[in-house]
C-alpha cells in the first residue's frame, strides 16, 4: 500500500509539473455511478485496511472531489 501511494504521488507530481490541475483530473461517470463488481481488493472496512470484495459499493462523488482537492494541495 505504501509503495502504491508513493507511485501515485509521483505520478500526480509529474502531472502538476506538466501544468495539470484538479479540474483536469475527472473520473468518468461510471466510476461513481456503477456499483463495484465485487473483485477482491484492498479497502477500508470498519476503519481498518483489509482485502474484501466491496460488492455493490459506489464512490461518493463529493468525497472524490474533496480527495482531489487535498491531493493536489499536498
PDB file of N, CA and C in Angstrom:
ATOM      1  N   UNK A   1       0.834  -1.186   0.000  1.00  0.00           N
ATOM      2  CA  UNK A   1       0.000   0.000   0.000  1.00  0.00           C
ATOM      3  C   UNK A   1       0.880   1.251   0.000  1.00  0.00           C
ATOM      4  N   UNK A   2       1.940   1.230   0.809  1.00  0.00           N
ATOM      5  CA  UNK A   2       2.802   2.411   0.885  1.00  0.00           C
ATOM      6  C   UNK A   2       3.497   2.671  -0.452  1.00  0.00           C
ATOM      7  N   UNK A   3       3.975   1.616  -1.093  1.00  0.00           N
ATOM      8  CA  UNK A   3       4.632   1.781  -2.385  1.00  0.00           C
ATOM      9  C   UNK A   3       3.643   2.305  -3.426  1.00  0.00           C
ATOM     10  N   UNK A   4       2.424   1.785  -3.414  1.00  0.00           N
ATOM     11  CA  UNK A   4       1.401   2.260  -4.337  1.00  0.00           C
ATOM     12  C   UNK A   4       1.105   3.740  -4.129  1.00  0.00           C
ATOM     13  N   UNK A   5       1.061   4.160  -2.869  1.00  0.00           N
ATOM     14  CA  UNK A   5       0.810   5.573  -2.551  1.00  0.00           C
ATOM     15  C   UNK A   5       1.950   6.441  -3.069  1.00  0.00           C
ATOM     16  N   UNK A   6       3.173   5.961  -2.919  1.00  0.00           N
ATOM     17  CA  UNK A   6       4.323   6.727  -3.416  1.00  0.00           C
ATOM     18  C   UNK A   6       4.290   6.863  -4.938  1.00  0.00           C
ATOM     19  N   UNK A   7       3.969   5.762  -5.616  1.00  0.00           N
ATOM     20  CA  UNK A   7       3.881   5.788  -7.082  1.00  0.00           C
ATOM     21  C   UNK A   7       2.797   6.768  -7.521  1.00  0.00           C
ATOM     22  N   UNK A   8       1.639   6.709  -6.848  1.00  0.00           N
ATOM     23  CA  UNK A   8       0.532   7.607  -7.177  1.00  0.00           C
ATOM     24  C   UNK A   8       0.943   9.063  -6.943  1.00  0.00           C
ATOM     25  N   UNK A   9       1.627   9.336  -5.847  1.00  0.00           N
ATOM     26  CA  UNK A   9       2.065  10.701  -5.545  1.00  0.00           C
ATOM     27  C   UNK A   9       3.064  11.197  -6.582  1.00  0.00           C
ATOM     28  N   UNK A  10       3.984  10.340  -7.001  1.00  0.00           N
ATOM     29  CA  UNK A  10       4.953  10.728  -8.027  1.00  0.00           C
ATOM     30  C   UNK A  10       4.246  11.020  -9.350  1.00  0.00           C
ATOM     31  N   UNK A  11       3.287  10.184  -9.699  1.00  0.00           N
ATOM     32  CA  UNK A  11       2.517  10.405 -10.921  1.00  0.00           C
ATOM     33  C   UNK A  11       1.801  11.754 -10.875  1.00  0.00           C
ATOM     34  N   UNK A  12       1.185  12.057  -9.745  1.00  0.00           N
ATOM     35  CA  UNK A  12       0.467  13.336  -9.589  1.00  0.00           C
ATOM     36  C   UNK A  12       1.451  14.509  -9.660  1.00  0.00           C
ATOM     37  N   UNK A  13       2.611  14.365  -9.019  1.00  0.00           N
ATOM     38  CA  UNK A  13       3.604  15.443  -9.035  1.00  0.00           C
ATOM     39  C   UNK A  13       4.054  15.744 -10.458  1.00  0.00           C
ATOM     40  N   UNK A  14       4.289  14.688 -11.241  1.00  0.00           N
ATOM     41  CA  UNK A  14       4.694  14.894 -12.633  1.00  0.00           C
ATOM     42  C   UNK A  14       3.596  15.578 -13.434  1.00  0.00           C
ATOM     43  N   UNK A  15       2.354  15.201 -13.185  1.00  0.00           N
ATOM     44  CA  UNK A  15       1.242  15.829 -13.901  1.00  0.00           C
ATOM     45  C   UNK A  15       1.110  17.305 -13.532  1.00  0.00           C
ATOM     46  N   UNK A  16       1.305  17.634 -12.259  1.00  0.00           N
ATOM     47  CA  UNK A  16       1.237  19.037 -11.830  1.00  0.00           C
ATOM     48  C   UNK A  16       2.361  19.838 -12.478  1.00  0.00           C
ATOM     49  N   UNK A  17       3.563  19.260 -12.541  1.00  0.00           N
ATOM     50  CA  UNK A  17       4.680  19.938 -13.190  1.00  0.00           C
ATOM     51  C   UNK A  17       4.403  20.180 -14.675  1.00  0.00           C
ATOM     52  N   UNK A  18       3.590  19.336 -15.278  1.00  0.00           N
ATOM     53  CA  UNK A  18       3.223  19.494 -16.685  1.00  0.00           C
ATOM     54  C   UNK A  18       2.062  20.473 -16.869  1.00  0.00           C
ATOM     55  N   UNK A  19       1.567  21.049 -15.759  1.00  0.00           N
ATOM     56  CA  UNK A  19       0.525  22.059 -15.858  1.00  0.00           C
ATOM     57  C   UNK A  19      -0.886  21.556 -15.593  1.00  0.00           C
ATOM     58  N   UNK A  20      -1.020  20.281 -15.231  1.00  0.00           N
ATOM     59  CA  UNK A  20      -2.362  19.770 -14.928  1.00  0.00           C
ATOM     60  C   UNK A  20      -2.815  20.295 -13.574  1.00  0.00           C
ATOM     61  N   UNK A  21      -4.114  20.408 -13.396  1.00  0.00           N
ATOM     62  CA  UNK A  21      -4.672  20.805 -12.112  1.00  0.00           C
ATOM     63  C   UNK A  21      -5.892  19.948 -11.823  1.00  0.00           C
ATOM     64  N   UNK A  22      -6.466  20.086 -10.644  1.00  0.00           N
ATOM     65  CA  UNK A  22      -7.517  19.186 -10.173  1.00  0.00           C
ATOM     66  C   UNK A  22      -8.735  19.166 -11.093  1.00  0.00           C
ATOM     67  N   UNK A  23      -9.040  20.275 -11.745  1.00  0.00           N
ATOM     68  CA  UNK A  23     -10.216  20.318 -12.622  1.00  0.00           C
ATOM     69  C   UNK A  23     -10.025  19.501 -13.895  1.00  0.00           C
ATOM     70  N   UNK A  24      -8.781  19.190 -14.231  1.00  0.00           N
ATOM     71  CA  UNK A  24      -8.496  18.374 -15.404  1.00  0.00           C
ATOM     72  C   UNK A  24      -8.509  16.886 -15.077  1.00  0.00           C
ATOM     73  N   UNK A  25      -8.489  16.563 -13.806  1.00  0.00           N
ATOM     74  CA  UNK A  25      -8.448  15.179 -13.340  1.00  0.00           C
ATOM     75  C   UNK A  25      -9.879  14.735 -13.017  1.00  0.00           C
ATOM     76  N   UNK A  26     -10.581  14.259 -14.029  1.00  0.00           N
ATOM     77  CA  UNK A  26     -12.001  13.945 -13.892  1.00  0.00           C
ATOM     78  C   UNK A  26     -12.220  12.449 -14.119  1.00  0.00           C
ATOM     79  N   UNK A  27     -12.919  11.817 -13.184  1.00  0.00           N
ATOM     80  CA  UNK A  27     -13.281  10.415 -13.350  1.00  0.00           C
ATOM     81  C   UNK A  27     -14.520  10.327 -14.243  1.00  0.00           C
ATOM     82  N   UNK A  28     -14.591   9.287 -15.074  1.00  0.00           N
ATOM     83  CA  UNK A  28     -15.819   9.081 -15.851  1.00  0.00           C
ATOM     84  C   UNK A  28     -17.000   8.825 -14.922  1.00  0.00           C
ATOM     85  N   UNK A  29     -18.206   9.111 -15.388  1.00  0.00           N
ATOM     86  CA  UNK A  29     -19.399   8.940 -14.560  1.00  0.00           C
ATOM     87  C   UNK A  29     -19.535   7.531 -13.991  1.00  0.00           C
ATOM     88  N   UNK A  30     -19.153   6.513 -14.775  1.00  0.00           N
ATOM     89  CA  UNK A  30     -19.365   5.152 -14.293  1.00  0.00           C
ATOM     90  C   UNK A  30     -18.535   4.828 -13.050  1.00  0.00           C
ATOM     91  N   UNK A  31     -17.450   5.559 -12.808  1.00  0.00           N
ATOM     92  CA  UNK A  31     -16.633   5.312 -11.614  1.00  0.00           C
ATOM     93  C   UNK A  31     -17.455   5.587 -10.354  1.00  0.00           C
ATOM     94  N   UNK A  32     -18.296   6.615 -10.386  1.00  0.00           N
ATOM     95  CA  UNK A  32     -19.091   6.963  -9.211  1.00  0.00           C
ATOM     96  C   UNK A  32     -20.502   6.380  -9.254  1.00  0.00           C
ATOM     97  N   UNK A  33     -20.986   6.051 -10.439  1.00  0.00           N
ATOM     98  CA  UNK A  33     -22.382   5.624 -10.563  1.00  0.00           C
ATOM     99  C   UNK A  33     -22.576   4.115 -10.668  1.00  0.00           C
ATOM    100  N   UNK A  34     -21.591   3.404 -11.176  1.00  0.00           N
ATOM    101  CA  UNK A  34     -21.721   1.966 -11.365  1.00  0.00           C
ATOM    102  C   UNK A  34     -21.305   1.234 -10.093  1.00  0.00           C
ATOM    103  N   UNK A  35     -22.082   0.269  -9.677  1.00  0.00           N
ATOM    104  CA  UNK A  35     -21.744  -0.481  -8.473  1.00  0.00           C
ATOM    105  C   UNK A  35     -20.520  -1.347  -8.721  1.00  0.00           C
ATOM    106  N   UNK A  36     -19.667  -1.423  -7.707  1.00  0.00           N
ATOM    107  CA  UNK A  36     -18.429  -2.189  -7.783  1.00  0.00           C
ATOM    108  C   UNK A  36     -18.755  -3.660  -8.027  1.00  0.00           C
ATOM    109  N   UNK A  37     -18.056  -4.326  -8.977  1.00  0.00           N
ATOM    110  CA  UNK A  37     -18.428  -5.688  -9.351  1.00  0.00           C
ATOM    111  C   UNK A  37     -18.121  -6.764  -8.327  1.00  0.00           C
ATOM    112  N   UNK A  38     -17.293  -6.490  -7.339  1.00  0.00           N
ATOM    113  CA  UNK A  38     -17.069  -7.487  -6.302  1.00  0.00           C
ATOM    114  C   UNK A  38     -15.756  -8.232  -6.390  1.00  0.00           C
ATOM    115  N   UNK A  39     -14.748  -7.686  -7.073  1.00  0.00           N
ATOM    116  CA  UNK A  39     -13.425  -8.301  -7.077  1.00  0.00           C
ATOM    117  C   UNK A  39     -12.766  -8.042  -5.724  1.00  0.00           C
ATOM    118  N   UNK A  40     -11.885  -8.920  -5.298  1.00  0.00           N
ATOM    119  CA  UNK A  40     -11.204  -8.730  -4.019  1.00  0.00           C
ATOM    120  C   UNK A  40     -10.097  -7.697  -4.200  1.00  0.00           C
ATOM    121  N   UNK A  41     -10.187  -6.627  -3.432  1.00  0.00           N
ATOM    122  CA  UNK A  41      -9.231  -5.520  -3.496  1.00  0.00           C
ATOM    123  C   UNK A  41      -8.983  -4.994  -2.086  1.00  0.00           C
ATOM    124  N   UNK A  42      -7.856  -4.267  -1.875  1.00  0.00           N
ATOM    125  CA  UNK A  42      -7.632  -3.640  -0.574  1.00  0.00           C
ATOM    126  C   UNK A  42      -8.625  -2.501  -0.369  1.00  0.00           C
ATOM    127  N   UNK A  43      -9.212  -2.411   0.814  1.00  0.00           N
ATOM    128  CA  UNK A  43     -10.146  -1.330   1.127  1.00  0.00           C
ATOM    129  C   UNK A  43     -10.265  -1.180   2.637  1.00  0.00           C
ATOM    130  N   UNK A  44     -10.834  -0.077   3.057  1.00  0.00           N
ATOM    131  CA  UNK A  44     -11.067   0.166   4.478  1.00  0.00           C
ATOM    132  C   UNK A  44     -12.458  -0.344   4.835  1.00  0.00           C
ATOM    133  N   UNK A  45     -12.516  -1.228   5.823  1.00  0.00           N
ATOM    134  CA  UNK A  45     -13.776  -1.751   6.325  1.00  0.00           C
ATOM    135  C   UNK A  45     -13.775  -1.553   7.835  1.00  0.00           C
ATOM    136  N   UNK A  46     -14.774  -0.843   8.360  1.00  0.00           N
ATOM    137  CA  UNK A  46     -14.861  -0.546   9.790  1.00  0.00           C
ATOM    138  C   UNK A  46     -13.590   0.127  10.312  1.00  0.00           C
ATOM    139  N   UNK A  47     -13.019   1.023   9.501  1.00  0.00           N
ATOM    140  CA  UNK A  47     -11.866   1.800   9.932  1.00  0.00           C
ATOM    141  C   UNK A  47     -10.529   1.090   9.825  1.00  0.00           C
ATOM    142  N   UNK A  48     -10.492  -0.130   9.257  1.00  0.00           N
ATOM    143  CA  UNK A  48      -9.240  -0.879   9.144  1.00  0.00           C
ATOM    144  C   UNK A  48      -9.054  -1.366   7.713  1.00  0.00           C
ATOM    145  N   UNK A  49      -7.788  -1.343   7.252  1.00  0.00           N
ATOM    146  CA  UNK A  49      -7.484  -1.864   5.923  1.00  0.00           C
ATOM    147  C   UNK A  49      -7.609  -3.373   5.927  1.00  0.00           C
ATOM    148  N   UNK A  50      -8.242  -3.904   4.879  1.00  0.00           N
ATOM    149  CA  UNK A  50      -8.393  -5.340   4.701  1.00  0.00           C
ATOM    150  C   UNK A  50      -8.600  -5.614   3.216  1.00  0.00           C
ATOM    151  N   UNK A  51      -8.613  -6.863   2.842  1.00  0.00           N
ATOM    152  CA  UNK A  51      -8.977  -7.244   1.472  1.00  0.00           C
ATOM    153  C   UNK A  51     -10.406  -7.765   1.507  1.00  0.00           C
ATOM    154  N   UNK A  52     -11.258  -7.202   0.678  1.00  0.00           N
ATOM    155  CA  UNK A  52     -12.665  -7.592   0.645  1.00  0.00           C
ATOM    156  C   UNK A  52     -13.199  -7.368  -0.768  1.00  0.00           C
ATOM    157  N   UNK A  53     -14.403  -7.826  -1.014  1.00  0.00           N
ATOM    158  CA  UNK A  53     -14.974  -7.692  -2.365  1.00  0.00           C
ATOM    159  C   UNK A  53     -15.546  -6.312  -2.629  1.00  0.00           C
ATOM    160  N   UNK A  54     -16.125  -5.673  -1.631  1.00  0.00           N
ATOM    161  CA  UNK A  54     -16.729  -4.362  -1.851  1.00  0.00           C
ATOM    162  C   UNK A  54     -17.906  -4.416  -2.801  1.00  0.00           C
ATOM    163  N   UNK A  55     -18.478  -5.583  -2.959  1.00  0.00           N
ATOM    164  CA  UNK A  55     -19.564  -5.756  -3.920  1.00  0.00           C
ATOM    165  C   UNK A  55     -20.715  -4.795  -3.628  1.00  0.00           C
ATOM    166  N   UNK A  56     -21.165  -4.103  -4.672  1.00  0.00           N
ATOM    167  CA  UNK A  56     -22.287  -3.183  -4.544  1.00  0.00           C
ATOM    168  C   UNK A  56     -21.913  -1.773  -4.118  1.00  0.00           C
ATOM    169  N   UNK A  57     -20.643  -1.518  -3.791  1.00  0.00           N
ATOM    170  CA  UNK A  57     -20.220  -0.176  -3.383  1.00  0.00           C
ATOM    171  C   UNK A  57     -20.134   0.751  -4.583  1.00  0.00           C
ATOM    172  N   UNK A  58     -20.319   2.026  -4.328  1.00  0.00           N
ATOM    173  CA  UNK A  58     -20.068   3.069  -5.323  1.00  0.00           C
ATOM    174  C   UNK A  58     -19.225   4.146  -4.650  1.00  0.00           C
ATOM    175  N   UNK A  59     -18.637   5.023  -5.434  1.00  0.00           N
ATOM    176  CA  UNK A  59     -17.867   6.130  -4.875  1.00  0.00           C
ATOM    177  C   UNK A  59     -18.777   7.341  -4.690  1.00  0.00           C
ATOM    178  N   UNK A  60     -18.579   8.055  -3.612  1.00  0.00           N
ATOM    179  CA  UNK A  60     -19.302   9.288  -3.343  1.00  0.00           C
ATOM    180  C   UNK A  60     -18.581  10.411  -4.085  1.00  0.00           C
ATOM    181  N   UNK A  61     -19.222  10.975  -5.105  1.00  0.00           N
ATOM    182  CA  UNK A  61     -18.573  11.976  -5.950  1.00  0.00           C
ATOM    183  C   UNK A  61     -18.069  13.180  -5.136  1.00  0.00           C
ATOM    184  N   UNK A  62     -18.812  13.630  -4.152  1.00  0.00           N
ATOM    185  CA  UNK A  62     -18.378  14.776  -3.326  1.00  0.00           C
ATOM    186  C   UNK A  62     -17.098  14.436  -2.567  1.00  0.00           C
ATOM    187  N   UNK A  63     -17.013  13.222  -2.057  1.00  0.00           N
ATOM    188  CA  UNK A  63     -15.795  12.814  -1.335  1.00  0.00           C
ATOM    189  C   UNK A  63     -14.622  12.642  -2.292  1.00  0.00           C
ATOM    190  N   UNK A  64     -14.880  12.183  -3.516  1.00  0.00           N
ATOM    191  CA  UNK A  64     -13.821  12.076  -4.514  1.00  0.00           C
ATOM    192  C   UNK A  64     -13.282  13.469  -4.835  1.00  0.00           C
ATOM    193  N   UNK A  65     -14.167  14.436  -5.006  1.00  0.00           N
ATOM    194  CA  UNK A  65     -13.743  15.811  -5.289  1.00  0.00           C
ATOM    195  C   UNK A  65     -12.933  16.386  -4.125  1.00  0.00           C
ATOM    196  N   UNK A  66     -13.354  16.104  -2.896  1.00  0.00           N
ATOM    197  CA  UNK A  66     -12.602  16.552  -1.720  1.00  0.00           C
ATOM    198  C   UNK A  66     -11.216  15.911  -1.708  1.00  0.00           C
ATOM    199  N   UNK A  67     -11.140  14.625  -2.023  1.00  0.00           N
ATOM    200  CA  UNK A  67      -9.858  13.925  -2.087  1.00  0.00           C
ATOM    201  C   UNK A  67      -8.949  14.578  -3.123  1.00  0.00           C
ATOM    202  N   UNK A  68      -9.502  14.882  -4.300  1.00  0.00           N
ATOM    203  CA  UNK A  68      -8.700  15.510  -5.345  1.00  0.00           C
ATOM    204  C   UNK A  68      -8.152  16.859  -4.883  1.00  0.00           C
ATOM    205  N   UNK A  69      -8.979  17.640  -4.211  1.00  0.00           N
ATOM    206  CA  UNK A  69      -8.515  18.943  -3.715  1.00  0.00           C
ATOM    207  C   UNK A  69      -7.351  18.763  -2.760  1.00  0.00           C
ATOM    208  N   UNK A  70      -7.499  17.843  -1.798  1.00  0.00           N
ATOM    209  CA  UNK A  70      -6.426  17.611  -0.824  1.00  0.00           C
ATOM    210  C   UNK A  70      -5.186  17.040  -1.485  1.00  0.00           C
ATOM    211  N   UNK A  71      -5.359  16.166  -2.468  1.00  0.00           N
ATOM    212  CA  UNK A  71      -4.223  15.547  -3.138  1.00  0.00           C
ATOM    213  C   UNK A  71      -3.426  16.574  -3.934  1.00  0.00           C
ATOM    214  N   UNK A  72      -4.105  17.492  -4.631  1.00  0.00           N
ATOM    215  CA  UNK A  72      -3.388  18.491  -5.415  1.00  0.00           C
ATOM    216  C   UNK A  72      -2.792  19.582  -4.544  1.00  0.00           C
ATOM    217  N   UNK A  73      -3.337  19.802  -3.359  1.00  0.00           N
ATOM    218  CA  UNK A  73      -2.750  20.797  -2.447  1.00  0.00           C
ATOM    219  C   UNK A  73      -1.500  20.239  -1.789  1.00  0.00           C
ATOM    220  N   UNK A  74      -1.483  18.929  -1.502  1.00  0.00           N
ATOM    221  CA  UNK A  74      -0.373  18.301  -0.779  1.00  0.00           C
ATOM    222  C   UNK A  74       0.682  17.891  -1.693  1.00  0.00           C
TER     223      UNK A  74
END
